[in-house]
N, C-alpha and C. Protein backbone atom coordinates (compact mmCIF):
# COMPACT_ATOMS: atom_id res chain seq x y z
N MET A 1 -15.00 9.00 15.05
CA MET A 1 -15.77 7.73 15.51
C MET A 1 -16.68 7.43 14.29
N LYS A 2 -16.89 8.11 13.27
CA LYS A 2 -17.67 7.69 12.16
C LYS A 2 -16.53 6.71 11.17
N HIS A 3 -15.35 7.04 11.30
CA HIS A 3 -14.46 6.53 10.16
C HIS A 3 -14.30 5.16 10.79
N LYS A 4 -14.43 4.76 12.10
CA LYS A 4 -14.28 3.37 12.45
C LYS A 4 -15.43 2.54 11.98
N GLY A 5 -16.46 2.97 12.00
CA GLY A 5 -17.59 2.23 11.60
C GLY A 5 -17.76 2.09 10.13
N ARG A 6 -17.13 3.12 9.25
CA ARG A 6 -16.97 2.87 8.13
C ARG A 6 -16.20 1.62 7.65
N ARG A 7 -15.08 1.20 8.17
CA ARG A 7 -14.25 0.45 7.77
C ARG A 7 -14.89 -1.03 7.94
N SER A 8 -15.72 -1.14 8.74
CA SER A 8 -16.47 -2.51 8.83
C SER A 8 -17.40 -2.80 7.69
N GLU A 9 -17.82 -1.70 7.00
CA GLU A 9 -18.76 -1.62 5.85
C GLU A 9 -17.95 -2.59 4.66
N VAL A 10 -16.67 -2.13 4.77
CA VAL A 10 -15.86 -2.94 3.35
C VAL A 10 -15.86 -4.34 3.54
N PRO A 11 -16.19 -4.94 2.45
CA PRO A 11 -16.43 -6.43 2.30
C PRO A 11 -15.19 -7.06 2.38
N ALA A 12 -15.14 -8.38 3.01
CA ALA A 12 -14.18 -8.92 3.54
C ALA A 12 -13.27 -9.20 2.45
N HIS A 13 -13.72 -9.75 1.25
CA HIS A 13 -13.02 -10.06 0.06
C HIS A 13 -12.05 -9.11 -0.35
N PHE A 14 -12.32 -7.72 -0.04
CA PHE A 14 -11.71 -6.70 -0.66
C PHE A 14 -10.37 -6.43 0.30
N SER A 15 -10.50 -7.20 1.65
CA SER A 15 -9.15 -6.97 2.39
C SER A 15 -7.73 -7.49 2.06
N GLY A 16 -8.08 -8.80 1.31
CA GLY A 16 -6.74 -9.41 0.82
C GLY A 16 -6.08 -8.51 -0.33
N PRO A 17 -6.87 -8.22 -1.39
CA PRO A 17 -6.40 -7.56 -2.57
C PRO A 17 -5.91 -6.23 -2.14
N VAL A 18 -6.22 -5.44 -1.36
CA VAL A 18 -5.86 -4.00 -0.82
C VAL A 18 -4.56 -4.38 -0.06
N GLN A 19 -4.29 -5.34 0.67
CA GLN A 19 -3.19 -5.61 1.71
C GLN A 19 -2.04 -5.85 0.44
N LEU A 20 -2.20 -6.41 -0.55
CA LEU A 20 -1.63 -7.14 -1.70
C LEU A 20 -0.97 -5.77 -2.38
N ILE A 21 -2.07 -4.93 -2.76
CA ILE A 21 -1.47 -3.70 -3.57
C ILE A 21 -0.86 -2.87 -2.57
N MET A 22 -1.05 -2.58 -1.49
CA MET A 22 -0.37 -1.94 -0.33
C MET A 22 1.10 -2.33 -0.48
N LEU A 23 1.19 -3.66 -0.24
CA LEU A 23 2.57 -4.42 -0.32
C LEU A 23 3.48 -3.96 -1.46
N VAL A 24 2.66 -4.22 -2.61
CA VAL A 24 3.42 -3.97 -4.04
C VAL A 24 3.56 -2.36 -4.09
N TRP A 25 2.74 -1.44 -3.61
CA TRP A 25 3.14 -0.10 -3.58
C TRP A 25 4.32 -0.01 -3.03
N ARG A 26 4.50 -0.39 -1.63
CA ARG A 26 5.58 0.09 -0.73
C ARG A 26 6.73 -0.48 -1.47
N THR A 27 6.70 -1.75 -2.08
CA THR A 27 7.77 -2.44 -2.62
C THR A 27 8.37 -1.33 -4.01
N LEU A 28 7.44 -0.77 -4.57
CA LEU A 28 7.71 -0.14 -5.81
C LEU A 28 8.31 1.06 -5.29
N ILE A 29 7.67 1.88 -4.45
CA ILE A 29 8.43 3.15 -3.63
C ILE A 29 9.80 2.93 -3.43
N ALA A 30 10.16 1.91 -2.45
CA ALA A 30 11.36 1.40 -2.13
C ALA A 30 12.22 1.25 -3.28
N ALA A 31 11.95 0.45 -4.41
CA ALA A 31 12.61 0.21 -5.48
C ALA A 31 13.00 1.48 -6.12
N VAL A 32 11.93 2.37 -6.34
CA VAL A 32 12.56 3.59 -6.93
C VAL A 32 13.36 4.66 -6.24
N ASP A 33 13.09 4.53 -4.87
CA ASP A 33 14.22 5.10 -3.81
C ASP A 33 15.68 4.79 -4.08
N VAL A 34 15.84 3.65 -4.07
CA VAL A 34 17.11 2.85 -4.42
C VAL A 34 17.63 3.26 -5.66
N ALA A 35 16.84 3.33 -6.74
CA ALA A 35 17.06 3.72 -8.02
C ALA A 35 17.69 5.11 -8.18
N VAL A 36 16.85 5.82 -7.60
CA VAL A 36 17.30 7.33 -7.33
C VAL A 36 18.54 7.52 -6.80
N ARG A 37 18.76 6.91 -5.60
CA ARG A 37 19.96 6.93 -5.17
C ARG A 37 21.33 6.24 -5.83
N ILE A 38 21.16 5.37 -6.73
CA ILE A 38 22.17 4.79 -7.26
C ILE A 38 22.38 5.92 -8.49
N TRP A 39 21.30 6.37 -9.03
CA TRP A 39 21.59 7.14 -10.21
C TRP A 39 22.04 8.61 -10.07
N GLY A 40 21.78 8.79 -8.86
CA GLY A 40 22.00 10.04 -8.07
C GLY A 40 23.61 10.46 -7.98
N GLN A 41 24.31 9.05 -7.63
CA GLN A 41 25.66 9.36 -7.42
C GLN A 41 26.64 9.44 -8.61
């Protein structure tokens, strides 16, 4: 219950950058995964 209230404390202007960082992070992990598969063969 406390965790839900904490999320609303985060300033709105942080929402955009955080989503962008998460998108870049997922893309980076996906790229590394593909590279490992290619080099592994």
